[in-house]
C-alpha atoms as a PDB file:
ATOM      1  CA  UNK A   1      16.691   6.205  18.035  1.00  0.00           C
ATOM      2  CA  UNK A   2      16.669   3.516  15.268  1.00  0.00           C
ATOM      3  CA  UNK A   3      19.286   2.563  13.331  1.00  0.00           C
ATOM      4  CA  UNK A   4      17.802   4.540  10.128  1.00  0.00           C
ATOM      5  CA  UNK A   5      17.311   7.673  11.781  1.00  0.00           C
ATOM      6  CA  UNK A   6      20.949   7.461  13.217  1.00  0.00           C
ATOM      7  CA  UNK A   7      22.364   6.869   9.669  1.00  0.00           C
ATOM      8  CA  UNK A   8      20.339   9.847   8.558  1.00  0.00           C
ATOM      9  CA  UNK A   9      21.586  11.843  11.068  1.00  0.00           C
ATOM     10  CA  UNK A  10      25.063  10.971  10.293  1.00  0.00           C
ATOM     11  CA  UNK A  11      24.254  12.089   6.780  1.00  0.00           C
ATOM     12  CA  UNK A  12      23.456  15.522   7.691  1.00  0.00           C
ATOM     13  CA  UNK A  13      26.961  16.276   8.723  1.00  0.00           C
ATOM     14  CA  UNK A  14      27.781  15.930   5.000  1.00  0.00           C
ATOM     15  CA  UNK A  15      24.918  17.622   2.982  1.00  0.00           C
ATOM     16  CA  UNK A  16      26.725  18.390  -0.194  1.00  0.00           C
ATOM     17  CA  UNK A  17      28.329  14.968  -0.415  1.00  0.00           C
ATOM     18  CA  UNK A  18      25.053  13.004   0.365  1.00  0.00           C
ATOM     19  CA  UNK A  19      23.264  15.415  -1.905  1.00  0.00           C
ATOM     20  CA  UNK A  20      25.126  14.617  -4.863  1.00  0.00           C
ATOM     21  CA  UNK A  21      24.224  11.028  -4.675  1.00  0.00           C
ATOM     22  CA  UNK A  22      20.676  11.827  -6.232  1.00  0.00           C
ATOM     23  CA  UNK A  23      18.942   9.903  -3.584  1.00  0.00           C
ATOM     24  CA  UNK A  24      15.395   9.039  -5.010  1.00  0.00           C
ATOM     25  CA  UNK A  25      14.090   6.750  -2.144  1.00  0.00           C
ATOM     26  CA  UNK A  26      14.689   5.919   1.362  1.00  0.00           C
ATOM     27  CA  UNK A  27      13.441   3.380   3.679  1.00  0.00           C
ATOM     28  CA  UNK A  28      14.244   1.592   7.035  1.00  0.00           C
ATOM     29  CA  UNK A  29      15.862  -1.759   7.261  1.00  0.00           C
ATOM     30  CA  UNK A  30      14.787  -3.764  10.410  1.00  0.00           C
ATOM     31  CA  UNK A  31      16.803  -5.934  12.403  1.00  0.00           C
ATOM     32  CA  UNK A  32      17.624  -9.406  10.367  1.00  0.00           C
ATOM     33  CA  UNK A  33      20.224 -12.047  10.583  1.00  0.00           C
ATOM     34  CA  UNK A  34      22.355  -9.373   8.619  1.00  0.00           C
ATOM     35  CA  UNK A  35      22.568  -7.068  11.616  1.00  0.00           C
ATOM     36  CA  UNK A  36      20.637  -4.823  13.958  1.00  0.00           C
ATOM     37  CA  UNK A  37      18.875  -2.844  11.073  1.00  0.00           C
ATOM     38  CA  UNK A  38      19.679  -0.078   8.823  1.00  0.00           C
ATOM     39  CA  UNK A  39      18.684   1.978   5.868  1.00  0.00           C
ATOM     40  CA  UNK A  40      18.173   1.310   1.998  1.00  0.00           C
ATOM     41  CA  UNK A  41      18.474   4.136  -0.195  1.00  0.00           C
ATOM     42  CA  UNK A  42      18.060   4.303  -3.945  1.00  0.00           C
ATOM     43  CA  UNK A  43      20.715   6.599  -5.584  1.00  0.00           C
ATOM     44  CA  UNK A  44      21.556   7.835  -9.273  1.00  0.00           C
ATOM     45  CA  UNK A  45      25.186   8.460  -8.835  1.00  0.00           C
ATOM     46  CA  UNK A  46      28.166   8.650 -11.609  1.00  0.00           C
ATOM     47  CA  UNK A  47      29.271   5.175 -10.554  1.00  0.00           C
ATOM     48  CA  UNK A  48      26.180   3.516  -9.219  1.00  0.00           C
ATOM     49  CA  UNK A  49      22.648   3.696 -10.146  1.00  0.00           C
ATOM     50  CA  UNK A  50      20.301   1.606  -7.767  1.00  0.00           C
ATOM     51  CA  UNK A  51      20.108   0.692  -4.161  1.00  0.00           C
ATOM     52  CA  UNK A  52      22.507   0.773  -1.542  1.00  0.00           C
ATOM     53  CA  UNK A  53      21.812  -0.979   1.754  1.00  0.00           C
ATOM     54  CA  UNK A  54      23.569   0.223   4.855  1.00  0.00           C
ATOM     55  CA  UNK A  55      23.239  -2.297   7.747  1.00  0.00           C
ATOM     56  CA  UNK A  56      24.863  -1.904  11.277  1.00  0.00           C
ATOM     57  CA  UNK A  57      26.292  -5.359  11.995  1.00  0.00           C
ATOM     58  CA  UNK A  58      26.511  -7.081  15.193  1.00  0.00           C
ATOM     59  CA  UNK A  59      30.115  -5.920  15.714  1.00  0.00           C
ATOM     60  CA  UNK A  60      28.913  -2.240  15.589  1.00  0.00           C
ATOM     61  CA  UNK A  61      30.247  -1.557  12.112  1.00  0.00           C
ATOM     62  CA  UNK A  62      28.548  -0.906   9.162  1.00  0.00           C
ATOM     63  CA  UNK A  63      28.044  -2.974   5.965  1.00  0.00           C
ATOM     64  CA  UNK A  64      27.327  -1.481   2.693  1.00  0.00           C
ATOM     65  CA  UNK A  65      25.788  -3.242  -0.187  1.00  0.00           C
ATOM     66  CA  UNK A  66      25.447  -1.774  -3.612  1.00  0.00           C
ATOM     67  CA  UNK A  67      22.589  -3.739  -5.826  1.00  0.00           C
ATOM     68  CA  UNK A  68      21.929  -3.093  -9.513  1.00  0.00           C
ATOM     69  CA  UNK A  69      18.521  -2.120 -10.758  1.00  0.00           C
ATOM     70  CA  UNK A  70      17.861  -5.804 -11.806  1.00  0.00           C
ATOM     71  CA  UNK A  71      18.495  -6.977  -8.009  1.00  0.00           C
ATOM     72  CA  UNK A  72      22.079  -8.434  -8.561  1.00  0.00           C
ATOM     73  CA  UNK A  73      24.773  -7.408  -5.818  1.00  0.00           C
ATOM     74  CA  UNK A  74      27.353  -5.138  -7.527  1.00  0.00           C
ATOM     75  CA  UNK A  75      29.554  -4.833  -4.407  1.00  0.00           C
ATOM     76  CA  UNK A  76      29.788  -5.316  -0.743  1.00  0.00           C
ATOM     77  CA  UNK A  77      32.074  -3.211   1.451  1.00  0.00           C
ATOM     78  CA  UNK A  78      32.259  -4.551   5.106  1.00  0.00           C
ATOM     79  CA  UNK A  79      33.505  -3.403   8.372  1.00  0.00           C
ATOM     80  CA  UNK A  80      32.846   0.449   7.908  1.00  0.00           C
ATOM     81  CA  UNK A  81      33.469   2.649  11.015  1.00  0.00           C
ATOM     82  CA  UNK A  82      30.686   5.635  11.304  1.00  0.00           C
ATOM     83  CA  UNK A  83      33.206   8.305  10.894  1.00  0.00           C
ATOM     84  CA  UNK A  84      34.222   7.103   7.397  1.00  0.00           C
ATOM     85  CA  UNK A  85      30.676   5.815   6.250  1.00  0.00           C
ATOM     86  CA  UNK A  86      29.800   8.786   4.249  1.00  0.00           C
ATOM     87  CA  UNK A  87      33.157   8.931   2.379  1.00  0.00           C
ATOM     88  CA  UNK A  88      33.198   5.229   1.634  1.00  0.00           C
ATOM     89  CA  UNK A  89      29.542   5.195   0.169  1.00  0.00           C
ATOM     90  CA  UNK A  90      30.675   8.438  -1.890  1.00  0.00           C
ATOM     91  CA  UNK A  91      33.495   6.597  -3.285  1.00  0.00           C
ATOM     92  CA  UNK A  92      31.490   3.509  -4.487  1.00  0.00           C
ATOM     93  CA  UNK A  93      28.543   5.654  -5.575  1.00  0.00           C
ATOM     94  CA  UNK A  94      29.708   9.067  -6.941  1.00  0.00           C
ATOM     95  CA  UNK A  95      33.328   9.484  -7.108  1.00  0.00           C
ATOM     96  CA  UNK A  96      35.011   8.907 -10.536  1.00  0.00           C
ATOM     97  CA  UNK A  97      38.642  10.077 -11.886  1.00  0.00           C
ATOM     98  CA  UNK A  98      37.042  12.991 -13.694  1.00  0.00           C
ATOM     99  CA  UNK A  99      34.397  14.108 -11.166  1.00  0.00           C
ATOM    100  CA  UNK A 100      35.170  17.771 -11.456  1.00  0.00           C
ATOM    101  CA  UNK A 101      34.646  17.782 -15.090  1.00  0.00           C
ATOM    102  CA  UNK A 102      31.533  15.458 -15.109  1.00  0.00           C
ATOM    103  CA  UNK A 103      29.785  17.958 -12.591  1.00  0.00           C
ATOM    104  CA  UNK A 104      30.751  21.024 -14.722  1.00  0.00           C
ATOM    105  CA  UNK A 105      29.299  19.086 -17.949  1.00  0.00           C
ATOM    106  CA  UNK A 106      26.233  18.369 -16.002  1.00  0.00           C
ATOM    107  CA  UNK A 107      25.504  21.888 -15.102  1.00  0.00           C
ATOM    108  CA  UNK A 108      26.744  23.309 -18.286  1.00  0.00           C
ATOM    109  CA  UNK A 109      29.786  25.216 -16.762  1.00  0.00           C
ATOM    110  CA  UNK A 110      32.891  25.792 -18.605  1.00  0.00           C
ATOM    111  CA  UNK A 111      36.061  23.489 -17.635  1.00  0.00           C
ATOM    112  CA  UNK A 112      38.641  25.847 -16.212  1.00  0.00           C
END
C-alpha cells in the first residue's frame, strides 16, 4: 500500500471530521528527501484555506505543512503519530474557538 492510500484509509475512520475540511483536491506525494511520501490535499477550512501536505518521515511519524494559496508556508507541525494525525490536522485547518456557532451560521441554524 502506498503512503497516500494509507493516509486516506486513516481518514475513513473520521468521516465527519475530514468532511468538514472542505477538501477540493487530493494527490499523492512520492518519496523525496523529506520522507517516504504522503498526500497533498487542498482544503477550505475555517482556519486554513490552501494546501495541506502530509508526509511520512523517515522516523515513521507524520509531518504536516500548511501552505497558503500564494505558496508561502503558513505552519509546519512535525512528529505526529498516526493515531493523532486527523485531530492535529483538524485543529490546524478547521477548529476555531467559536466553531459550533460558525457551523450554525453557515447552515442557517439558530444558535441555542
